[in-house]
Amino acid sequence: MALINNNPKTNFIRLLKKIQPTAGELAKAGSFSFSCKKRLTKSFDLKKFQKIGSHSRGAAIKLYSDLDFLVILARNNAKWAGKIVNSNTFISKISQDLNDRYVKTGVRKDAQAVVVNFGRGQNSMDVVPGFFKGFKGKYPIYSIPNGGGGWIETSPEAHNGYIKNANTSSRSKLVKVAQLIRYWKHCWANPVPLSSFYVDLLLANSGICDGVKSYPYIMYEFFKLMHERECRGLRDPLGISGVIYAVQTNNQSKVLVSAIDKSLGHAQAAILAEIDKKNIEANRQWDMAFNHGFI
């Protein structure tokens, strides 16, 4: 409770400094990604090894942000008997190869990726395999696993460009708010299920980070927006990936809605307390909104 008397705006800036990735983390991630790329280049017809996710958008946070890479292979690597295979088969093929290389670190299949642990198991990298499908305007479109055996389309270049433009319009607040939300979801005993990609697109599409607003007020608006939307899926504003979902299952949705509603109540109380210049109460409410991870 050391900074409880400070203005909440000051504490949010302090928190942002605290959660930035360290140079050591970034160096370790870079070294492992080079090793992984080298292995995949040896085993497959690798066309592209592209950083995606939070690290590619500058929204990663210390300790909690996994490293994500889109691994684009030649289309023939996804075919059998002249036809595109089930995406689960495709993932299994990548998983087996990486498991042969990283025997001691641990490799497992996820819904849309192969998860490879590194750094003595403390860090992980999600390898999302896919193949080039074509262009939409000036952006390349890739087919990646949809988590159910089929395929969906994606374009990190297009989406990152969209989010980058929105971040510029917000005077760089969007990425910082995205980091605060990533931290918020890890403040609970069991991290709140919430897709980081969904968060970034929602922030960009809604415009809530634009204008002369403080981080406390934008966080309140985020919780309010999620509550009003009932955490429903977001139709891709670029029309590429269909509907982007906040969670993967109904049970995860219930957990997310509960956490959002709880935090919204405390965020609203914090904003009202700040207006009344009651900084102690405002910080106490924000600390509860972050499940005692704010102060």
C-alpha atoms as a PDB file:
ATOM      1  CA  MET A   1       0.000   0.000   0.000  1.00  0.00           C
ATOM      2  CA  ALA A   2       3.042   2.289  -0.322  1.00  0.00           C
ATOM      3  CA  LEU A   3       1.551   4.608  -2.929  1.00  0.00           C
ATOM      4  CA  ILE A   4      -2.027   4.633  -1.671  1.00  0.00           C
ATOM      5  CA  ASN A   5      -2.157   8.447  -1.277  1.00  0.00           C
ATOM      6  CA  ASN A   6      -0.989   9.182  -4.799  1.00  0.00           C
ATOM      7  CA  ASN A   7      -3.374  10.223  -7.538  1.00  0.00           C
ATOM      8  CA  PRO A   8      -4.614   7.077  -9.353  1.00  0.00           C
ATOM      9  CA  LYS A   9      -3.277   8.447 -12.650  1.00  0.00           C
ATOM     10  CA  THR A  10       0.234   8.408 -11.151  1.00  0.00           C
ATOM     11  CA  ASN A  11      -0.213   4.841  -9.950  1.00  0.00           C
ATOM     12  CA  PHE A  12      -1.338   3.665 -13.373  1.00  0.00           C
ATOM     13  CA  ILE A  13       1.813   5.138 -14.924  1.00  0.00           C
ATOM     14  CA  ARG A  14       3.883   3.453 -12.199  1.00  0.00           C
ATOM     15  CA  LEU A  15       2.143   0.150 -12.949  1.00  0.00           C
ATOM     16  CA  LEU A  16       2.850   0.476 -16.673  1.00  0.00           C
ATOM     17  CA  LYS A  17       6.561   0.892 -15.980  1.00  0.00           C
ATOM     18  CA  LYS A  18       6.490  -2.153 -13.720  1.00  0.00           C
ATOM     19  CA  ILE A  19       4.981  -4.523 -16.296  1.00  0.00           C
ATOM     20  CA  GLN A  20       7.217  -3.772 -19.293  1.00  0.00           C
ATOM     21  CA  PRO A  21       9.162  -6.810 -20.624  1.00  0.00           C
ATOM     22  CA  THR A  22      12.777  -6.920 -19.481  1.00  0.00           C
ATOM     23  CA  ALA A  23      15.759  -6.898 -21.822  1.00  0.00           C
ATOM     24  CA  GLY A  24      16.673 -10.358 -20.538  1.00  0.00           C
ATOM     25  CA  GLU A  25      13.262 -11.771 -21.407  1.00  0.00           C
ATOM     26  CA  LEU A  26      13.398 -10.338 -24.905  1.00  0.00           C
ATOM     27  CA  ALA A  27      16.931 -11.636 -25.508  1.00  0.00           C
ATOM     28  CA  LYS A  28      15.995 -15.131 -24.318  1.00  0.00           C
ATOM     29  CA  ALA A  29      12.913 -15.153 -26.541  1.00  0.00           C
ATOM     30  CA  GLY A  30      14.923 -13.995 -29.537  1.00  0.00           C
ATOM     31  CA  SER A  31      17.521 -16.725 -29.054  1.00  0.00           C
ATOM     32  CA  PHE A  32      14.916 -19.481 -28.778  1.00  0.00           C
ATOM     33  CA  SER A  33      12.910 -18.279 -31.772  1.00  0.00           C
ATOM     34  CA  PHE A  34      16.101 -18.409 -33.882  1.00  0.00           C
ATOM     35  CA  SER A  35      16.650 -22.010 -32.791  1.00  0.00           C
ATOM     36  CA  CYS A  36      13.062 -22.956 -33.615  1.00  0.00           C
ATOM     37  CA  LYS A  37      13.212 -21.320 -37.034  1.00  0.00           C
ATOM     38  CA  LYS A  38      16.421 -23.197 -37.807  1.00  0.00           C
ATOM     39  CA  ARG A  39      14.769 -26.519 -36.966  1.00  0.00           C
ATOM     40  CA  LEU A  40      11.649 -25.853 -39.051  1.00  0.00           C
ATOM     41  CA  THR A  41      13.752 -24.685 -42.007  1.00  0.00           C
ATOM     42  CA  LYS A  42      15.589 -28.000 -41.889  1.00  0.00           C
ATOM     43  CA  SER A  43      12.416 -30.107 -41.709  1.00  0.00           C
ATOM     44  CA  PHE A  44       9.953 -28.253 -43.939  1.00  0.00           C
ATOM     45  CA  ASP A  45       9.694 -25.926 -46.898  1.00  0.00           C
ATOM     46  CA  LEU A  46       9.513 -22.849 -44.691  1.00  0.00           C
ATOM     47  CA  LYS A  47       8.321 -19.706 -46.470  1.00  0.00           C
ATOM     48  CA  LYS A  48       7.960 -17.307 -43.573  1.00  0.00           C
ATOM     49  CA  PHE A  49       8.665 -17.243 -39.840  1.00  0.00           C
ATOM     50  CA  GLN A  50       6.791 -14.186 -38.623  1.00  0.00           C
ATOM     51  CA  LYS A  51       6.399 -12.774 -35.125  1.00  0.00           C
ATOM     52  CA  ILE A  52       2.720 -12.186 -34.316  1.00  0.00           C
ATOM     53  CA  GLY A  53       0.659 -11.537 -31.191  1.00  0.00           C
ATOM     54  CA  SER A  54       1.415  -9.159 -28.340  1.00  0.00           C
ATOM     55  CA  HIS A  55       5.159  -8.936 -28.990  1.00  0.00           C
ATOM     56  CA  SER A  56       4.580  -7.897 -32.604  1.00  0.00           C
ATOM     57  CA  ARG A  57       2.239  -5.088 -31.511  1.00  0.00           C
ATOM     58  CA  GLY A  58       4.346  -3.786 -28.629  1.00  0.00           C
ATOM     59  CA  ALA A  59       1.704  -4.875 -26.122  1.00  0.00           C
ATOM     60  CA  ALA A  60       3.568  -7.705 -24.380  1.00  0.00           C
ATOM     61  CA  ILE A  61       4.046  -7.576 -20.617  1.00  0.00           C
ATOM     62  CA  LYS A  62       6.683  -8.918 -18.257  1.00  0.00           C
ATOM     63  CA  LEU A  63       6.425 -12.590 -17.255  1.00  0.00           C
ATOM     64  CA  TYR A  64       3.053 -13.335 -18.819  1.00  0.00           C
ATOM     65  CA  SER A  65       3.153 -12.700 -22.572  1.00  0.00           C
ATOM     66  CA  ASP A  66       3.950 -15.792 -24.612  1.00  0.00           C
ATOM     67  CA  LEU A  67       5.950 -15.533 -27.796  1.00  0.00           C
ATOM     68  CA  ASP A  68       3.807 -16.159 -30.888  1.00  0.00           C
ATOM     69  CA  PHE A  69       5.037 -16.974 -34.377  1.00  0.00           C
ATOM     70  CA  LEU A  70       3.166 -17.589 -37.591  1.00  0.00           C
ATOM     71  CA  VAL A  71       4.972 -20.349 -39.471  1.00  0.00           C
ATOM     72  CA  ILE A  72       4.070 -20.308 -43.148  1.00  0.00           C
ATOM     73  CA  LEU A  73       4.946 -23.501 -44.978  1.00  0.00           C
ATOM     74  CA  ALA A  74       4.641 -24.386 -48.642  1.00  0.00           C
ATOM     75  CA  ARG A  75       1.088 -25.479 -49.490  1.00  0.00           C
ATOM     76  CA  ASN A  76       2.361 -28.984 -50.347  1.00  0.00           C
ATOM     77  CA  ASN A  77       3.278 -29.449 -46.672  1.00  0.00           C
ATOM     78  CA  ALA A  78      -0.448 -29.220 -45.866  1.00  0.00           C
ATOM     79  CA  LYS A  79      -1.543 -31.674 -48.563  1.00  0.00           C
ATOM     80  CA  TRP A  80      -2.042 -35.419 -48.772  1.00  0.00           C
ATOM     81  CA  ALA A  81      -3.076 -37.132 -51.985  1.00  0.00           C
ATOM     82  CA  GLY A  82      -3.465 -33.730 -53.601  1.00  0.00           C
ATOM     83  CA  LYS A  83      -5.914 -32.380 -51.000  1.00  0.00           C
ATOM     84  CA  ILE A  84      -5.509 -30.019 -48.040  1.00  0.00           C
ATOM     85  CA  VAL A  85      -5.435 -32.124 -44.872  1.00  0.00           C
ATOM     86  CA  ASN A  86      -7.391 -31.686 -41.666  1.00  0.00           C
ATOM     87  CA  SER A  87      -5.712 -28.850 -39.742  1.00  0.00           C
ATOM     88  CA  ASN A  88      -5.326 -31.083 -36.671  1.00  0.00           C
ATOM     89  CA  THR A  89      -3.178 -33.405 -38.805  1.00  0.00           C
ATOM     90  CA  PHE A  90      -1.133 -30.406 -39.893  1.00  0.00           C
ATOM     91  CA  ILE A  91      -0.556 -29.333 -36.280  1.00  0.00           C
ATOM     92  CA  SER A  92       0.388 -32.881 -35.303  1.00  0.00           C
ATOM     93  CA  LYS A  93       3.014 -32.946 -38.040  1.00  0.00           C
ATOM     94  CA  ILE A  94       4.644 -29.771 -36.726  1.00  0.00           C
ATOM     95  CA  SER A  95       4.300 -30.904 -33.122  1.00  0.00           C
ATOM     96  CA  GLN A  96       6.037 -34.215 -33.750  1.00  0.00           C
ATOM     97  CA  ASP A  97       8.955 -32.563 -35.492  1.00  0.00           C
ATOM     98  CA  LEU A  98       9.497 -29.988 -32.740  1.00  0.00           C
ATOM     99  CA  ASN A  99       9.082 -32.647 -30.078  1.00  0.00           C
ATOM    100  CA  ASP A 100      11.941 -34.578 -31.674  1.00  0.00           C
ATOM    101  CA  ARG A 101      14.099 -31.458 -31.430  1.00  0.00           C
ATOM    102  CA  TYR A 102      13.074 -30.189 -27.975  1.00  0.00           C
ATOM    103  CA  VAL A 103      12.825 -33.439 -26.051  1.00  0.00           C
ATOM    104  CA  LYS A 104      13.594 -31.937 -22.649  1.00  0.00           C
ATOM    105  CA  THR A 105      11.628 -28.694 -22.819  1.00  0.00           C
ATOM    106  CA  GLY A 106       8.134 -30.016 -23.506  1.00  0.00           C
ATOM    107  CA  VAL A 107       6.002 -29.679 -26.631  1.00  0.00           C
ATOM    108  CA  ARG A 108       2.225 -29.928 -26.782  1.00  0.00           C
ATOM    109  CA  LYS A 109      -0.593 -29.265 -29.217  1.00  0.00           C
ATOM    110  CA  ASP A 110      -3.051 -26.453 -28.558  1.00  0.00           C
ATOM    111  CA  ALA A 111      -6.268 -25.707 -30.449  1.00  0.00           C
ATOM    112  CA  GLN A 112      -4.565 -23.601 -33.119  1.00  0.00           C
ATOM    113  CA  ALA A 113      -0.874 -23.933 -32.369  1.00  0.00           C
ATOM    114  CA  VAL A 114       2.040 -26.009 -31.143  1.00  0.00           C
ATOM    115  CA  VAL A 115       3.229 -24.819 -27.741  1.00  0.00           C
ATOM    116  CA  VAL A 116       6.955 -25.190 -27.073  1.00  0.00           C
ATOM    117  CA  ASN A 117       8.331 -24.490 -23.596  1.00  0.00           C
ATOM    118  CA  PHE A 118      11.741 -22.916 -23.112  1.00  0.00           C
ATOM    119  CA  GLY A 119      13.738 -21.184 -20.395  1.00  0.00           C
ATOM    120  CA  ARG A 120      13.456 -24.243 -18.114  1.00  0.00           C
ATOM    121  CA  GLY A 121       9.738 -24.343 -18.763  1.00  0.00           C
ATOM    122  CA  GLN A 122       9.107 -20.828 -17.491  1.00  0.00           C
ATOM    123  CA  ASN A 123       8.392 -19.409 -20.935  1.00  0.00           C
ATOM    124  CA  SER A 124       6.572 -20.706 -23.971  1.00  0.00           C
ATOM    125  CA  MET A 125       6.274 -20.043 -27.656  1.00  0.00           C
ATOM    126  CA  ASP A 126       3.117 -20.662 -29.679  1.00  0.00           C
ATOM    127  CA  VAL A 127       3.880 -21.838 -33.200  1.00  0.00           C
ATOM    128  CA  VAL A 128       0.849 -21.218 -35.418  1.00  0.00           C
ATOM    129  CA  PRO A 129       1.288 -23.134 -38.690  1.00  0.00           C
ATOM    130  CA  GLY A 130      -0.340 -22.105 -41.949  1.00  0.00           C
ATOM    131  CA  PHE A 131       0.047 -21.609 -45.662  1.00  0.00           C
ATOM    132  CA  PHE A 132      -0.324 -18.701 -48.074  1.00  0.00           C
ATOM    133  CA  LYS A 133      -3.756 -18.400 -49.682  1.00  0.00           C
ATOM    134  CA  GLY A 134      -3.667 -15.149 -51.651  1.00  0.00           C
ATOM    135  CA  PHE A 135      -3.936 -11.384 -51.359  1.00  0.00           C
ATOM    136  CA  LYS A 136      -6.732  -9.129 -50.168  1.00  0.00           C
ATOM    137  CA  GLY A 137      -5.810  -5.709 -51.476  1.00  0.00           C
ATOM    138  CA  LYS A 138      -2.175  -5.214 -50.567  1.00  0.00           C
ATOM    139  CA  TYR A 139      -2.182  -7.671 -47.655  1.00  0.00           C
ATOM    140  CA  PRO A 140      -1.294 -11.400 -47.778  1.00  0.00           C
ATOM    141  CA  ILE A 141      -3.923 -13.813 -46.485  1.00  0.00           C
ATOM    142  CA  TYR A 142      -2.965 -17.064 -44.762  1.00  0.00           C
ATOM    143  CA  SER A 143      -4.950 -20.172 -43.825  1.00  0.00           C
ATOM    144  CA  ILE A 144      -4.369 -21.330 -40.248  1.00  0.00           C
ATOM    145  CA  PRO A 145      -6.046 -23.979 -38.029  1.00  0.00           C
ATOM    146  CA  ASN A 146      -9.417 -22.954 -36.596  1.00  0.00           C
ATOM    147  CA  GLY A 147      -9.163 -25.234 -33.572  1.00  0.00           C
ATOM    148  CA  GLY A 148     -11.727 -27.733 -34.835  1.00  0.00           C
ATOM    149  CA  GLY A 149      -9.935 -29.402 -37.705  1.00  0.00           C
ATOM    150  CA  GLY A 150     -10.830 -26.790 -40.283  1.00  0.00           C
ATOM    151  CA  TRP A 151      -9.138 -23.644 -41.479  1.00  0.00           C
ATOM    152  CA  ILE A 152      -9.664 -19.901 -41.037  1.00  0.00           C
ATOM    153  CA  GLU A 153      -8.107 -16.937 -42.777  1.00  0.00           C
ATOM    154  CA  THR A 154      -5.853 -14.412 -41.111  1.00  0.00           C
ATOM    155  CA  SER A 155      -3.552 -11.547 -42.016  1.00  0.00           C
ATOM    156  CA  PRO A 156      -1.256 -10.310 -39.238  1.00  0.00           C
ATOM    157  CA  GLU A 157       0.051  -7.584 -41.539  1.00  0.00           C
ATOM    158  CA  ALA A 158      -3.453  -6.181 -42.060  1.00  0.00           C
ATOM    159  CA  HIS A 159      -4.570  -6.477 -38.442  1.00  0.00           C
ATOM    160  CA  ASN A 160      -1.335  -5.091 -37.021  1.00  0.00           C
ATOM    161  CA  GLY A 161      -1.577  -2.163 -39.434  1.00  0.00           C
ATOM    162  CA  TYR A 162      -5.152  -1.500 -38.317  1.00  0.00           C
ATOM    163  CA  ILE A 163      -4.210  -1.615 -34.632  1.00  0.00           C
ATOM    164  CA  LYS A 164      -1.088   0.505 -35.233  1.00  0.00           C
ATOM    165  CA  ASN A 165      -3.149   3.228 -36.911  1.00  0.00           C
ATOM    166  CA  ALA A 166      -5.631   3.209 -34.023  1.00  0.00           C
ATOM    167  CA  ASN A 167      -2.750   3.394 -31.554  1.00  0.00           C
ATOM    168  CA  THR A 168      -1.391   6.452 -33.374  1.00  0.00           C
ATOM    169  CA  SER A 169      -4.840   8.075 -33.253  1.00  0.00           C
ATOM    170  CA  SER A 170      -4.929   7.470 -29.503  1.00  0.00           C
ATOM    171  CA  ARG A 171      -1.500   9.078 -29.085  1.00  0.00           C
ATOM    172  CA  SER A 172      -0.031   5.692 -28.159  1.00  0.00           C
ATOM    173  CA  LYS A 173      -2.468   5.054 -25.302  1.00  0.00           C
ATOM    174  CA  LEU A 174      -4.086   2.025 -26.961  1.00  0.00           C
ATOM    175  CA  VAL A 175      -1.046  -0.243 -26.596  1.00  0.00           C
ATOM    176  CA  LYS A 176      -0.544   0.833 -22.979  1.00  0.00           C
ATOM    177  CA  VAL A 177      -4.179   0.110 -22.144  1.00  0.00           C
ATOM    178  CA  ALA A 178      -3.823  -3.286 -23.830  1.00  0.00           C
ATOM    179  CA  GLN A 179      -0.875  -3.979 -21.511  1.00  0.00           C
ATOM    180  CA  LEU A 180      -2.918  -2.972 -18.465  1.00  0.00           C
ATOM    181  CA  ILE A 181      -5.694  -5.350 -19.515  1.00  0.00           C
ATOM    182  CA  ARG A 182      -3.217  -8.187 -20.019  1.00  0.00           C
ATOM    183  CA  TYR A 183      -1.890  -7.536 -16.526  1.00  0.00           C
ATOM    184  CA  TRP A 184      -5.413  -7.309 -15.073  1.00  0.00           C
ATOM    185  CA  LYS A 185      -6.362 -10.765 -16.316  1.00  0.00           C
ATOM    186  CA  HIS A 186      -3.287 -12.268 -14.633  1.00  0.00           C
ATOM    187  CA  CYS A 187      -4.066 -10.695 -11.247  1.00  0.00           C
ATOM    188  CA  TRP A 188      -6.488 -13.486 -10.405  1.00  0.00           C
ATOM    189  CA  ALA A 189      -5.601 -16.862  -8.854  1.00  0.00           C
ATOM    190  CA  ASN A 190      -6.576 -18.397 -12.180  1.00  0.00           C
ATOM    191  CA  PRO A 191      -5.950 -15.946 -15.045  1.00  0.00           C
ATOM    192  CA  VAL A 192      -9.150 -14.585 -16.535  1.00  0.00           C
ATOM    193  CA  PRO A 193      -9.696 -16.172 -19.976  1.00  0.00           C
ATOM    194  CA  LEU A 194      -9.566 -13.348 -22.498  1.00  0.00           C
ATOM    195  CA  SER A 195      -7.985 -13.299 -25.959  1.00  0.00           C
ATOM    196  CA  SER A 196      -5.329 -10.598 -26.313  1.00  0.00           C
ATOM    197  CA  PHE A 197      -6.073 -10.330 -30.033  1.00  0.00           C
ATOM    198  CA  TYR A 198      -9.733  -9.726 -29.206  1.00  0.00           C
ATOM    199  CA  VAL A 199      -8.750  -7.002 -26.728  1.00  0.00           C
ATOM    200  CA  ASP A 200      -6.507  -5.194 -29.208  1.00  0.00           C
ATOM    201  CA  LEU A 201      -9.092  -5.284 -31.997  1.00  0.00           C
ATOM    202  CA  LEU A 202     -11.885  -4.177 -29.654  1.00  0.00           C
ATOM    203  CA  LEU A 203      -9.829  -1.221 -28.421  1.00  0.00           C
ATOM    204  CA  ALA A 204      -8.992  -0.244 -31.999  1.00  0.00           C
ATOM    205  CA  ASN A 205     -12.530  -0.680 -33.293  1.00  0.00           C
ATOM    206  CA  SER A 206     -14.296   1.075 -30.403  1.00  0.00           C
ATOM    207  CA  GLY A 207     -12.094   4.177 -30.244  1.00  0.00           C
ATOM    208  CA  ILE A 208     -12.343   4.324 -26.451  1.00  0.00           C
ATOM    209  CA  CYS A 209      -8.643   5.208 -26.172  1.00  0.00           C
ATOM    210  CA  ASP A 210      -9.041   8.334 -28.324  1.00  0.00           C
ATOM    211  CA  GLY A 211      -9.329  11.854 -26.946  1.00  0.00           C
ATOM    212  CA  VAL A 212      -8.090  13.465 -23.763  1.00  0.00           C
ATOM    213  CA  LYS A 213      -8.655  10.616 -21.320  1.00  0.00           C
ATOM    214  CA  SER A 214      -6.640   9.207 -18.443  1.00  0.00           C
ATOM    215  CA  TYR A 215      -5.708   5.542 -18.103  1.00  0.00           C
ATOM    216  CA  PRO A 216      -8.125   5.105 -15.168  1.00  0.00           C
ATOM    217  CA  TYR A 217     -11.039   6.431 -17.211  1.00  0.00           C
ATOM    218  CA  ILE A 218     -10.193   4.316 -20.278  1.00  0.00           C
ATOM    219  CA  MET A 219      -9.974   1.191 -18.108  1.00  0.00           C
ATOM    220  CA  TYR A 220     -13.394   2.031 -16.680  1.00  0.00           C
ATOM    221  CA  GLU A 221     -14.736   2.466 -20.233  1.00  0.00           C
ATOM    222  CA  PHE A 222     -13.225  -0.884 -21.235  1.00  0.00           C
ATOM    223  CA  PHE A 223     -14.950  -2.736 -18.396  1.00  0.00           C
ATOM    224  CA  LYS A 224     -18.184  -0.901 -19.208  1.00  0.00           C
ATOM    225  CA  LEU A 225     -17.942  -1.768 -22.914  1.00  0.00           C
ATOM    226  CA  MET A 226     -17.275  -5.430 -22.179  1.00  0.00           C
ATOM    227  CA  HIS A 227     -20.242  -5.477 -19.782  1.00  0.00           C
ATOM    228  CA  GLU A 228     -22.545  -3.897 -22.359  1.00  0.00           C
ATOM    229  CA  ARG A 229     -21.393  -6.349 -25.028  1.00  0.00           C
ATOM    230  CA  GLU A 230     -21.736  -9.264 -22.591  1.00  0.00           C
ATOM    231  CA  CYS A 231     -18.259 -10.236 -23.796  1.00  0.00           C
ATOM    232  CA  ARG A 232     -19.680 -11.315 -27.155  1.00  0.00           C
ATOM    233  CA  GLY A 233     -17.520 -11.977 -30.198  1.00  0.00           C
ATOM    234  CA  LEU A 234     -16.369  -9.105 -32.403  1.00  0.00           C
ATOM    235  CA  ARG A 235     -16.841  -9.227 -36.135  1.00  0.00           C
ATOM    236  CA  ASP A 236     -13.463  -8.614 -37.734  1.00  0.00           C
ATOM    237  CA  PRO A 237     -13.557  -4.938 -38.800  1.00  0.00           C
ATOM    238  CA  LEU A 238     -11.339  -5.839 -41.773  1.00  0.00           C
ATOM    239  CA  GLY A 239     -13.614  -8.666 -42.904  1.00  0.00           C
ATOM    240  CA  ILE A 240     -10.807 -11.234 -42.958  1.00  0.00           C
ATOM    241  CA  SER A 241     -11.182 -13.568 -39.987  1.00  0.00           C
ATOM    242  CA  GLY A 242     -14.950 -13.657 -39.487  1.00  0.00           C
ATOM    243  CA  VAL A 243     -15.883 -13.317 -35.809  1.00  0.00           C
ATOM    244  CA  ILE A 244     -13.104 -12.885 -33.236  1.00  0.00           C
ATOM    245  CA  TYR A 245     -14.120 -14.408 -29.909  1.00  0.00           C
ATOM    246  CA  ALA A 246     -13.044 -13.265 -26.458  1.00  0.00           C
ATOM    247  CA  VAL A 247     -13.016 -16.852 -25.166  1.00  0.00           C
ATOM    248  CA  GLN A 248     -13.206 -20.387 -26.523  1.00  0.00           C
ATOM    249  CA  THR A 249     -15.892 -22.025 -24.359  1.00  0.00           C
ATOM    250  CA  ASN A 250     -19.146 -21.210 -22.552  1.00  0.00           C
ATOM    251  CA  ASN A 251     -17.538 -21.880 -19.175  1.00  0.00           C
ATOM    252  CA  GLN A 252     -14.741 -19.443 -19.987  1.00  0.00           C
ATOM    253  CA  SER A 253     -17.360 -16.869 -20.965  1.00  0.00           C
ATOM    254  CA  LYS A 254     -19.030 -17.168 -17.553  1.00  0.00           C
ATOM    255  CA  VAL A 255     -15.701 -16.659 -15.793  1.00  0.00           C
ATOM    256  CA  LEU A 256     -14.900 -13.633 -17.953  1.00  0.00           C
ATOM    257  CA  VAL A 257     -18.320 -12.015 -17.492  1.00  0.00           C
ATOM    258  CA  SER A 258     -18.083 -12.454 -13.715  1.00  0.00           C
ATOM    259  CA  ALA A 259     -14.613 -10.876 -13.530  1.00  0.00           C
ATOM    260  CA  ILE A 260     -15.617  -7.986 -15.815  1.00  0.00           C
ATOM    261  CA  ASP A 261     -18.742  -7.207 -13.796  1.00  0.00           C
ATOM    262  CA  LYS A 262     -16.848  -7.278 -10.505  1.00  0.00           C
ATOM    263  CA  SER A 263     -14.100  -5.010 -11.818  1.00  0.00           C
ATOM    264  CA  LEU A 264     -16.588  -2.631 -13.447  1.00  0.00           C
ATOM    265  CA  GLY A 265     -18.263  -1.951 -10.099  1.00  0.00           C
ATOM    266  CA  HIS A 266     -14.934  -1.108  -8.458  1.00  0.00           C
ATOM    267  CA  ALA A 267     -13.752   0.943 -11.451  1.00  0.00           C
ATOM    268  CA  GLN A 268     -16.904   3.045 -11.386  1.00  0.00           C
ATOM    269  CA  ALA A 269     -16.513   3.628  -7.644  1.00  0.00           C
ATOM    270  CA  ALA A 270     -12.848   4.571  -8.206  1.00  0.00           C
ATOM    271  CA  ILE A 271     -13.720   7.161 -10.869  1.00  0.00           C
ATOM    272  CA  LEU A 272     -16.346   8.764  -8.604  1.00  0.00           C
ATOM    273  CA  ALA A 273     -13.889   8.844  -5.703  1.00  0.00           C
ATOM    274  CA  GLU A 274     -11.233  10.471  -7.872  1.00  0.00           C
ATOM    275  CA  ILE A 275     -13.710  13.138  -8.989  1.00  0.00           C
ATOM    276  CA  ASP A 276     -14.332  13.890  -5.298  1.00  0.00           C
ATOM    277  CA  LYS A 277     -10.540  14.024  -4.794  1.00  0.00           C
ATOM    278  CA  LYS A 278     -10.638  11.018  -2.483  1.00  0.00           C
ATOM    279  CA  ASN A 279      -7.435   9.417  -3.705  1.00  0.00           C
ATOM    280  CA  ILE A 280      -7.176   6.875  -0.909  1.00  0.00           C
ATOM    281  CA  GLU A 281     -10.617   5.481  -1.723  1.00  0.00           C
ATOM    282  CA  ALA A 282      -9.998   5.667  -5.470  1.00  0.00           C
ATOM    283  CA  ASN A 283      -6.801   3.634  -5.146  1.00  0.00           C
ATOM    284  CA  ARG A 284      -8.500   1.156  -2.815  1.00  0.00           C
ATOM    285  CA  GLN A 285     -11.219   0.581  -5.409  1.00  0.00           C
ATOM    286  CA  TRP A 286      -8.706   0.170  -8.224  1.00  0.00           C
ATOM    287  CA  ASP A 287      -6.779  -2.310  -6.089  1.00  0.00           C
ATOM    288  CA  MET A 288      -9.950  -4.397  -5.798  1.00  0.00           C
ATOM    289  CA  ALA A 289     -10.673  -4.027  -9.509  1.00  0.00           C
ATOM    290  CA  PHE A 290      -7.238  -5.586 -10.122  1.00  0.00           C
ATOM    291  CA  ASN A 291      -7.896  -8.252  -7.466  1.00  0.00           C
ATOM    292  CA  HIS A 292      -5.328  -6.619  -5.153  1.00  0.00           C
ATOM    293  CA  GLY A 293      -2.656  -6.365  -7.833  1.00  0.00           C
ATOM    294  CA  PHE A 294      -2.803  -2.599  -8.389  1.00  0.00           C
ATOM    295  CA  ILE A 295      -0.983  -1.179  -5.357  1.00  0.00           C
END
